[in-house]
């Protein structure tokens, strides 16, 4: 089936109105005329998920996770049914299926469940009857037969996972941009579309702030070798292909610059400098389900040190509460936070074989009077925490000095 089957995913912006749903159906028609079998994964229409969250907040500030998943899953059911109707109106055979009808089994977790396995028997049966199958993204079913959502951006994961389970030729991700860019075009108009990018680079970009695709979906694609094509639903231009090895010029070292303005920094002062203290702090924080990112511990002085780390702003309150509790437990000093920060990062597989990239990045920021508060590196990325007010400027100067823009 591989050469004839394509999995397509249409994000919220691509199904935000009846007109756009009809456009998605017309695109599917063009593929069907070429003899392709299609499985289409859809997100909720436009801002539907946010609107549903707002409705729940009018009832309670602490909704039951199970009921929240029941509520949020309705958004994808609306768009999948409407797209199936649009396809049928064009004379195509089509059927909409929920995540559980599609055989997507998840953990017994609500809000951010992981996929355990996929048994796509129903999808395969419908494909044999020459139907286009429209699947609700972002959801599966757990062992209790309850709906479990896969977290924000989970429709990407649904599509990639189904592409693997069905041995599809490719997974096409349709959005409102033309592909992956060297940086956010809204920040830097000279940003250039990337024709091909590796899983590793895309994974770094997604985890460091690029919002085109969910990081978990890229990790899944890398693990199972699913080729992804990110492209616009508004035109038929080629987008960006994500694969294991991308064609790149020898001199290409840095591929992209990202900006993340949704993090906050917490600092615990006067932490006792002795074995096991850091473990105690972060064990308490992990119990709350808070994900800690960058960590910096200062040089010990007078047997104490300051410890700083970053968390998402959405988890700041929980992280602060737990940090203060941990500080009291270990006899540390005051706990401060700063939510007015940004993370600017450069990404590129070329860094593996080139030296001096970090020093060049730091020099560029210094030349523009941008102070670095924290630094984190991986094999293919370098990140700096800076003040939020310098975020866009940092992206622009790094993008320019590393030669990533469209040549004028």
Protein backbone atom coordinates (compact mmCIF):
# COMPACT_ATOMS: atom_id res chain seq x y z
CA UNK A 1 0.00 0.00 0.00
CA UNK A 2 3.00 2.27 0.64
CA UNK A 3 3.29 3.80 -2.83
CA UNK A 4 -0.42 4.56 -3.08
CA UNK A 5 -1.23 5.79 0.44
CA UNK A 6 -0.60 9.30 1.77
CA UNK A 7 -1.48 10.60 5.21
CA UNK A 8 -2.41 14.28 5.28
CA UNK A 9 -2.91 16.48 8.33
CA UNK A 10 -4.79 19.77 8.26
CA UNK A 11 -4.16 22.06 11.23
CA UNK A 12 -6.65 24.40 12.84
CA UNK A 13 -5.88 27.31 10.51
CA UNK A 14 -6.37 25.04 7.49
CA UNK A 15 -9.89 24.05 8.60
CA UNK A 16 -10.80 27.32 10.35
CA UNK A 17 -13.83 27.99 8.15
CA UNK A 18 -16.24 26.19 5.85
CA UNK A 19 -14.42 27.71 2.89
CA UNK A 20 -11.08 26.30 4.03
CA UNK A 21 -12.64 22.91 4.76
CA UNK A 22 -13.97 22.90 1.20
CA UNK A 23 -10.47 23.80 -0.07
CA UNK A 24 -9.02 20.86 1.87
CA UNK A 25 -11.61 18.62 0.21
CA UNK A 26 -10.66 19.94 -3.24
CA UNK A 27 -7.00 19.19 -2.53
CA UNK A 28 -7.96 15.65 -1.53
CA UNK A 29 -9.93 15.33 -4.77
CA UNK A 30 -6.82 16.20 -6.80
CA UNK A 31 -4.91 13.38 -5.06
CA UNK A 32 -7.76 10.92 -5.50
CA UNK A 33 -7.81 11.63 -9.25
CA UNK A 34 -4.15 10.58 -9.36
CA UNK A 35 -5.02 7.23 -7.79
CA UNK A 36 -3.81 7.89 -4.24
CA UNK A 37 -5.52 6.48 -1.19
CA UNK A 38 -5.86 9.06 1.58
CA UNK A 39 -6.08 9.18 5.34
CA UNK A 40 -6.68 12.75 6.52
CA UNK A 41 -6.09 13.82 10.11
CA UNK A 42 -7.73 17.06 11.23
CA UNK A 43 -7.39 19.47 14.11
CA UNK A 44 -10.27 21.46 15.59
CA UNK A 45 -11.46 24.46 13.60
CA UNK A 46 -9.40 27.61 14.20
CA UNK A 47 -9.44 28.63 17.87
CA UNK A 48 -12.05 26.06 18.89
CA UNK A 49 -9.79 24.38 21.46
CA UNK A 50 -9.08 27.70 23.18
CA UNK A 51 -12.79 28.51 23.15
CA UNK A 52 -13.61 25.17 24.78
CA UNK A 53 -10.96 25.78 27.44
CA UNK A 54 -12.53 29.19 28.08
CA UNK A 55 -15.96 27.58 28.49
CA UNK A 56 -14.59 25.17 31.07
CA UNK A 57 -12.93 28.02 32.99
CA UNK A 58 -16.36 29.63 33.36
CA UNK A 59 -17.42 26.53 35.27
CA UNK A 60 -14.29 25.80 37.28
CA UNK A 61 -10.62 26.77 37.46
CA UNK A 62 -9.67 23.15 38.22
CA UNK A 63 -11.65 20.92 35.82
CA UNK A 64 -11.54 17.15 36.11
CA UNK A 65 -8.90 15.95 33.58
CA UNK A 66 -11.14 13.20 32.22
CA UNK A 67 -14.03 15.58 31.60
CA UNK A 68 -11.65 18.10 30.07
CA UNK A 69 -10.56 15.50 27.52
CA UNK A 70 -14.19 14.68 26.78
CA UNK A 71 -14.80 18.37 26.12
CA UNK A 72 -11.71 19.12 24.04
CA UNK A 73 -12.10 16.05 21.82
CA UNK A 74 -15.37 17.41 20.44
CA UNK A 75 -13.51 20.05 18.42
CA UNK A 76 -11.86 17.51 16.13
CA UNK A 77 -15.11 15.58 15.73
CA UNK A 78 -16.77 18.66 14.28
CA UNK A 79 -14.04 19.34 11.70
CA UNK A 80 -13.69 15.66 10.72
CA UNK A 81 -17.42 15.27 10.09
CA UNK A 82 -17.59 18.51 8.09
CA UNK A 83 -14.61 17.50 5.94
CA UNK A 84 -16.13 14.06 5.30
CA UNK A 85 -19.36 15.78 4.20
CA UNK A 86 -17.38 18.07 1.89
CA UNK A 87 -15.64 15.11 0.30
CA UNK A 88 -18.96 13.32 -0.19
CA UNK A 89 -20.43 16.46 -1.79
CA UNK A 90 -17.60 16.26 -4.37
CA UNK A 91 -18.66 12.72 -5.23
CA UNK A 92 -15.95 10.95 -3.23
CA UNK A 93 -16.47 8.10 -0.81
CA UNK A 94 -15.47 9.29 2.65
CA UNK A 95 -15.98 8.49 6.30
CA UNK A 96 -14.96 10.23 9.52
CA UNK A 97 -13.56 8.22 12.44
CA UNK A 98 -12.65 9.16 15.98
CA UNK A 99 -9.23 8.37 17.40
CA UNK A 100 -10.51 5.28 19.17
CA UNK A 101 -12.38 4.05 16.09
CA UNK A 102 -9.06 4.39 14.27
CA UNK A 103 -7.35 2.09 16.78
CA UNK A 104 -5.17 4.66 18.57
CA UNK A 105 -4.53 3.31 22.08
CA UNK A 106 -3.04 5.63 24.69
CA UNK A 107 -1.74 5.68 28.24
CA UNK A 108 -4.12 6.10 31.18
CA UNK A 109 -3.22 9.78 31.34
CA UNK A 110 -5.34 12.79 30.49
CA UNK A 111 -4.18 15.98 28.82
CA UNK A 112 -0.86 14.75 27.50
CA UNK A 113 -1.17 11.01 26.92
CA UNK A 114 1.36 9.03 24.89
CA UNK A 115 0.38 6.59 22.17
CA UNK A 116 0.96 2.98 23.21
CA UNK A 117 -0.02 1.24 19.98
CA UNK A 118 -2.11 1.65 16.85
CA UNK A 119 -4.31 -1.08 15.42
CA UNK A 120 -5.77 0.56 12.30
CA UNK A 121 -8.05 -2.31 11.22
CA UNK A 122 -11.09 -0.09 10.70
CA UNK A 123 -9.07 2.37 8.60
CA UNK A 124 -7.68 -0.44 6.45
CA UNK A 125 -11.18 -1.83 5.91
CA UNK A 126 -12.51 1.54 4.78
CA UNK A 127 -9.52 2.06 2.46
CA UNK A 128 -10.26 -1.29 0.82
CA UNK A 129 -13.71 0.11 0.01
CA UNK A 130 -12.00 3.07 -1.70
CA UNK A 131 -13.02 5.55 0.97
CA UNK A 132 -11.04 8.57 2.12
CA UNK A 133 -10.75 8.21 5.88
CA UNK A 134 -10.90 11.41 7.95
CA UNK A 135 -9.52 10.91 11.46
CA UNK A 136 -9.89 13.13 14.50
CA UNK A 137 -6.39 14.14 15.55
CA UNK A 138 -5.12 14.81 19.07
CA UNK A 139 -6.88 11.85 20.70
CA UNK A 140 -6.84 8.16 21.52
CA UNK A 141 -8.51 5.79 23.95
CA UNK A 142 -7.01 4.40 27.15
CA UNK A 143 -7.42 1.05 28.89
CA UNK A 144 -10.55 2.31 30.67
CA UNK A 145 -12.06 3.11 27.27
CA UNK A 146 -11.95 6.82 28.08
CA UNK A 147 -10.90 9.45 25.54
CA UNK A 148 -7.38 10.70 26.23
CA UNK A 149 -5.93 13.72 24.43
CA UNK A 150 -2.30 13.81 23.28
CA UNK A 151 -1.38 17.35 24.31
CA UNK A 152 -1.15 20.59 22.34
CA UNK A 153 -0.15 19.92 18.75
CA UNK A 154 -1.18 16.30 19.20
CA UNK A 155 -2.77 16.10 15.76
CA UNK A 156 0.76 16.15 14.31
CA UNK A 157 1.54 13.09 16.40
CA UNK A 158 -1.68 11.37 15.31
CA UNK A 159 -0.79 11.90 11.65
CA UNK A 160 2.83 10.75 11.93
CA UNK A 161 1.87 7.71 13.98
CA UNK A 162 -0.83 6.69 11.49
CA UNK A 163 1.60 7.17 8.59
CA UNK A 164 3.92 4.69 10.29
CA UNK A 165 1.19 2.21 11.23
CA UNK A 166 -0.24 2.24 7.70
CA UNK A 167 3.18 2.25 5.98
CA UNK A 168 2.27 5.40 4.08
CA UNK A 169 4.49 6.88 1.39
CA UNK A 170 4.68 10.25 3.14
CA UNK A 171 2.99 12.32 5.83
CA UNK A 172 1.94 15.77 4.61
CA UNK A 173 1.40 18.44 7.27
CA UNK A 174 -0.72 21.32 5.98
CA UNK A 175 -0.57 24.65 7.75
CA UNK A 176 -0.88 28.37 6.97
CA UNK A 177 2.82 28.84 6.15
CA UNK A 178 4.79 27.60 3.15
CA UNK A 179 7.14 25.37 5.15
CA UNK A 180 9.93 25.63 7.70
CA UNK A 181 11.88 28.89 7.65
CA UNK A 182 15.32 29.88 8.87
CA UNK A 183 13.47 31.91 11.51
CA UNK A 184 10.01 33.31 12.13
CA UNK A 185 9.20 35.50 9.07
CA UNK A 186 7.10 37.74 11.32
CA UNK A 187 10.29 38.67 13.18
CA UNK A 188 12.70 38.68 10.24
CA UNK A 189 11.19 39.33 6.78
CA UNK A 190 14.39 38.05 5.15
CA UNK A 191 13.79 34.55 6.56
CA UNK A 192 14.29 31.87 3.92
CA UNK A 193 12.27 28.70 3.38
CA UNK A 194 14.29 25.55 3.97
CA UNK A 195 13.84 22.87 1.28
CA UNK A 196 15.07 19.95 3.39
CA UNK A 197 15.86 19.62 7.09
CA UNK A 198 16.90 16.69 9.27
CA UNK A 199 14.84 15.19 12.07
CA UNK A 200 17.52 16.29 14.55
CA UNK A 201 17.43 19.91 13.42
CA UNK A 202 13.65 20.03 13.34
CA UNK A 203 13.43 18.40 16.77
CA UNK A 204 15.80 21.01 18.19
CA UNK A 205 13.85 23.81 16.54
CA UNK A 206 10.52 22.50 17.84
CA UNK A 207 11.83 22.07 21.38
CA UNK A 208 13.50 25.50 21.31
CA UNK A 209 10.48 27.53 20.32
CA UNK A 210 9.61 26.98 16.64
CA UNK A 211 5.85 26.36 16.60
CA UNK A 212 5.34 24.80 13.19
CA UNK A 213 5.31 21.21 14.50
CA UNK A 214 4.99 19.40 17.80
CA UNK A 215 8.33 18.07 19.10
CA UNK A 216 6.89 14.67 20.05
CA UNK A 217 5.73 14.09 16.48
CA UNK A 218 9.24 14.75 15.15
CA UNK A 219 10.73 12.39 17.71
CA UNK A 220 8.29 9.68 16.59
CA UNK A 221 9.08 10.34 12.92
CA UNK A 222 12.80 10.07 13.59
CA UNK A 223 12.41 6.82 15.52
CA UNK A 224 10.39 5.12 12.79
CA UNK A 225 11.71 6.91 9.69
CA UNK A 226 8.50 8.66 8.63
CA UNK A 227 9.17 11.28 5.95
CA UNK A 228 7.23 14.52 6.56
CA UNK A 229 6.38 17.28 4.11
CA UNK A 230 5.34 20.56 5.79
CA UNK A 231 3.49 22.75 3.30
CA UNK A 232 0.80 25.40 2.92
CA UNK A 233 -2.87 24.56 2.54
CA UNK A 234 -3.34 27.90 0.75
CA UNK A 235 -1.26 27.06 -2.34
CA UNK A 236 0.32 24.10 -4.10
CA UNK A 237 3.97 25.11 -3.72
CA UNK A 238 6.47 22.59 -2.38
CA UNK A 239 7.22 23.08 1.31
CA UNK A 240 9.91 21.62 3.55
CA UNK A 241 10.73 17.93 3.69
CA UNK A 242 11.85 16.53 7.05
CA UNK A 243 13.94 13.38 6.77
CA UNK A 244 16.92 11.57 8.25
CA UNK A 245 19.60 13.17 6.08
CA UNK A 246 19.04 16.44 4.27
CA UNK A 247 20.97 17.73 1.30
CA UNK A 248 23.07 20.64 2.51
CA UNK A 249 25.89 22.77 1.29
CA UNK A 250 29.29 22.06 2.84
CA UNK A 251 29.53 25.59 4.21
CA UNK A 252 26.08 25.47 5.86
CA UNK A 253 26.78 25.41 9.60
CA UNK A 254 23.79 27.15 11.17
CA UNK A 255 20.40 26.29 9.67
CA UNK A 256 17.99 28.35 11.76
CA UNK A 257 17.46 30.79 14.62
CA UNK A 258 14.58 30.31 17.07
CA UNK A 259 12.99 32.45 19.78
CA UNK A 260 11.04 31.21 22.78
CA UNK A 261 9.33 33.84 24.92
CA UNK A 262 7.20 31.46 26.99
CA UNK A 263 9.75 30.56 29.66
CA UNK A 264 10.57 31.92 33.11
CA UNK A 265 13.70 31.72 35.24
CA UNK A 266 13.71 30.67 38.90
CA UNK A 267 16.71 31.28 41.16
CA UNK A 268 17.21 29.66 44.57
CA UNK A 269 19.79 31.62 46.57
CA UNK A 270 22.29 30.35 49.16
CA UNK A 271 21.87 26.67 48.36
CA UNK A 272 24.10 24.48 50.61
CA UNK A 273 26.97 23.23 48.45
CA UNK A 274 27.03 19.54 49.28
CA UNK A 275 26.16 16.24 47.56
CA UNK A 276 22.49 15.39 47.06
CA UNK A 277 21.10 18.91 47.39
CA UNK A 278 20.38 19.43 43.67
CA UNK A 279 18.81 15.97 43.53
CA UNK A 280 16.51 16.88 46.42
CA UNK A 281 15.39 20.11 44.77
CA UNK A 282 14.65 18.67 41.34
CA UNK A 283 13.06 15.52 42.73
CA UNK A 284 10.48 17.68 44.50
CA UNK A 285 9.87 19.67 41.33
CA UNK A 286 9.51 16.54 39.17
CA UNK A 287 6.86 15.20 41.57
CA UNK A 288 4.71 18.15 40.52
CA UNK A 289 5.09 17.18 36.86
CA UNK A 290 7.09 20.32 36.07
CA UNK A 291 9.62 20.07 33.24
CA UNK A 292 12.87 21.85 34.03
CA UNK A 293 14.97 22.99 31.10
CA UNK A 294 18.22 24.96 31.44
CA UNK A 295 20.07 24.71 34.76
CA UNK A 296 23.00 26.85 35.92
CA UNK A 297 24.77 26.54 39.28
CA UNK A 298 27.15 29.29 40.28
CA UNK A 299 30.61 28.74 41.77
CA UNK A 300 30.42 27.94 45.47
CA UNK A 301 31.28 30.69 47.93
CA UNK A 302 31.19 30.30 51.72
CA UNK A 303 29.82 26.76 51.24
CA UNK A 304 26.69 28.00 49.43
CA UNK A 305 25.76 28.65 45.81
CA UNK A 306 22.92 30.10 43.73
CA UNK A 307 20.98 27.73 41.49
CA UNK A 308 18.98 28.98 38.49
CA UNK A 309 16.76 27.05 36.10
CA UNK A 310 14.04 27.68 33.52
CA UNK A 311 10.48 26.35 33.26
CA UNK A 312 7.54 27.15 31.01
CA UNK A 313 5.44 30.10 32.15
CA UNK A 314 2.44 27.80 32.32
CA UNK A 315 4.17 25.79 35.06
CA UNK A 316 5.73 28.77 36.88
CA UNK A 317 3.26 28.88 39.79
CA UNK A 318 3.68 25.19 40.58
CA UNK A 319 7.44 25.39 40.14
CA UNK A 320 7.70 28.41 42.46
CA UNK A 321 5.56 26.82 45.14
CA UNK A 322 7.61 23.62 45.05
CA UNK A 323 10.95 25.48 44.86
CA UNK A 324 10.13 27.49 47.99
CA UNK A 325 9.09 24.32 49.77
CA UNK A 326 12.34 22.61 48.73
CA UNK A 327 14.40 25.67 49.74
CA UNK A 328 12.95 25.58 53.23
CA UNK A 329 13.60 21.85 53.43
CA UNK A 330 17.32 22.16 52.61
CA UNK A 331 17.93 25.42 54.46
CA UNK A 332 18.48 27.57 51.37
CA UNK A 333 17.78 31.30 51.03
CA UNK A 334 15.23 33.30 49.09
CA UNK A 335 13.62 32.16 45.83
CA UNK A 336 13.30 34.68 42.98
CA UNK A 337 11.76 34.46 39.54
CA UNK A 338 11.95 36.41 36.29
CA UNK A 339 9.26 35.91 33.67
CA UNK A 340 10.57 38.71 31.48
CA UNK A 341 13.13 36.55 29.65
CA UNK A 342 13.55 34.98 26.22
CA UNK A 343 15.56 32.11 24.85
CA UNK A 344 17.33 32.70 21.55
CA UNK A 345 18.92 29.68 19.89
CA UNK A 346 20.90 28.75 16.79
CA UNK A 347 20.47 25.27 15.29
CA UNK A 348 22.44 23.32 12.69
CA UNK A 349 23.90 19.85 12.14
CA UNK A 350 26.94 21.60 10.67
CA UNK A 351 27.98 22.54 14.22
CA UNK A 352 29.13 18.99 14.76
CA UNK A 353 32.18 19.55 12.56
CA UNK A 354 32.82 23.28 13.01
CA UNK A 355 34.46 25.06 15.93
CA UNK A 356 34.05 28.67 17.00
CA UNK A 357 30.29 28.86 16.49
CA UNK A 358 29.55 29.56 20.16
CA UNK A 359 32.14 32.33 20.39
CA UNK A 360 30.76 33.93 17.22
CA UNK A 361 27.22 33.86 18.64
CA UNK A 362 28.33 35.42 21.92
CA UNK A 363 30.32 38.07 20.08
CA UNK A 364 27.35 39.00 17.89
CA UNK A 365 25.13 39.44 20.96
CA UNK A 366 27.83 41.42 22.80
CA UNK A 367 28.32 43.75 19.82
CA UNK A 368 24.62 44.56 20.06
CA UNK A 369 24.71 45.14 23.85
CA UNK A 370 22.62 42.04 24.55
CA UNK A 371 23.60 40.46 27.88
CA UNK A 372 23.57 36.68 28.26
CA UNK A 373 22.12 35.36 31.53
CA UNK A 374 22.28 31.59 30.93
CA UNK A 375 23.82 29.33 28.27
CA UNK A 376 22.89 25.82 27.17
CA UNK A 377 24.38 23.71 24.38
CA UNK A 378 23.76 20.45 22.57
CA UNK A 379 25.63 18.82 19.72
CA UNK A 380 23.66 20.84 17.17
CA UNK A 381 22.34 23.89 19.06
CA UNK A 382 23.37 26.75 21.32
CA UNK A 383 20.82 28.63 23.45
CA UNK A 384 21.11 31.84 25.43
CA UNK A 385 18.69 33.28 27.98
CA UNK A 386 18.42 37.05 27.52
CA UNK A 387 15.99 39.78 28.54
CA UNK A 388 12.72 39.52 26.62
CA UNK A 389 12.95 43.08 25.29
CA UNK A 390 16.03 42.07 23.27
CA UNK A 391 14.51 38.87 21.86
CA UNK A 392 13.51 40.03 18.39
CA UNK A 393 16.67 42.08 17.93
CA UNK A 394 18.79 39.05 18.89
CA UNK A 395 17.02 36.92 16.27
CA UNK A 396 17.53 39.53 13.58
CA UNK A 397 21.25 40.12 14.19
CA UNK A 398 22.06 36.41 14.53
CA UNK A 399 20.07 35.58 11.40
CA UNK A 400 21.96 38.30 9.51
CA UNK A 401 25.48 37.57 10.77
CA UNK A 402 25.18 33.82 10.12
CA UNK A 403 24.06 34.56 6.56
CA UNK A 404 20.68 32.85 6.72
CA UNK A 405 18.52 35.43 4.97
CA UNK A 406 17.33 35.77 1.43
CA UNK A 407 20.00 37.61 -0.53
CA UNK A 408 18.78 41.00 -1.73
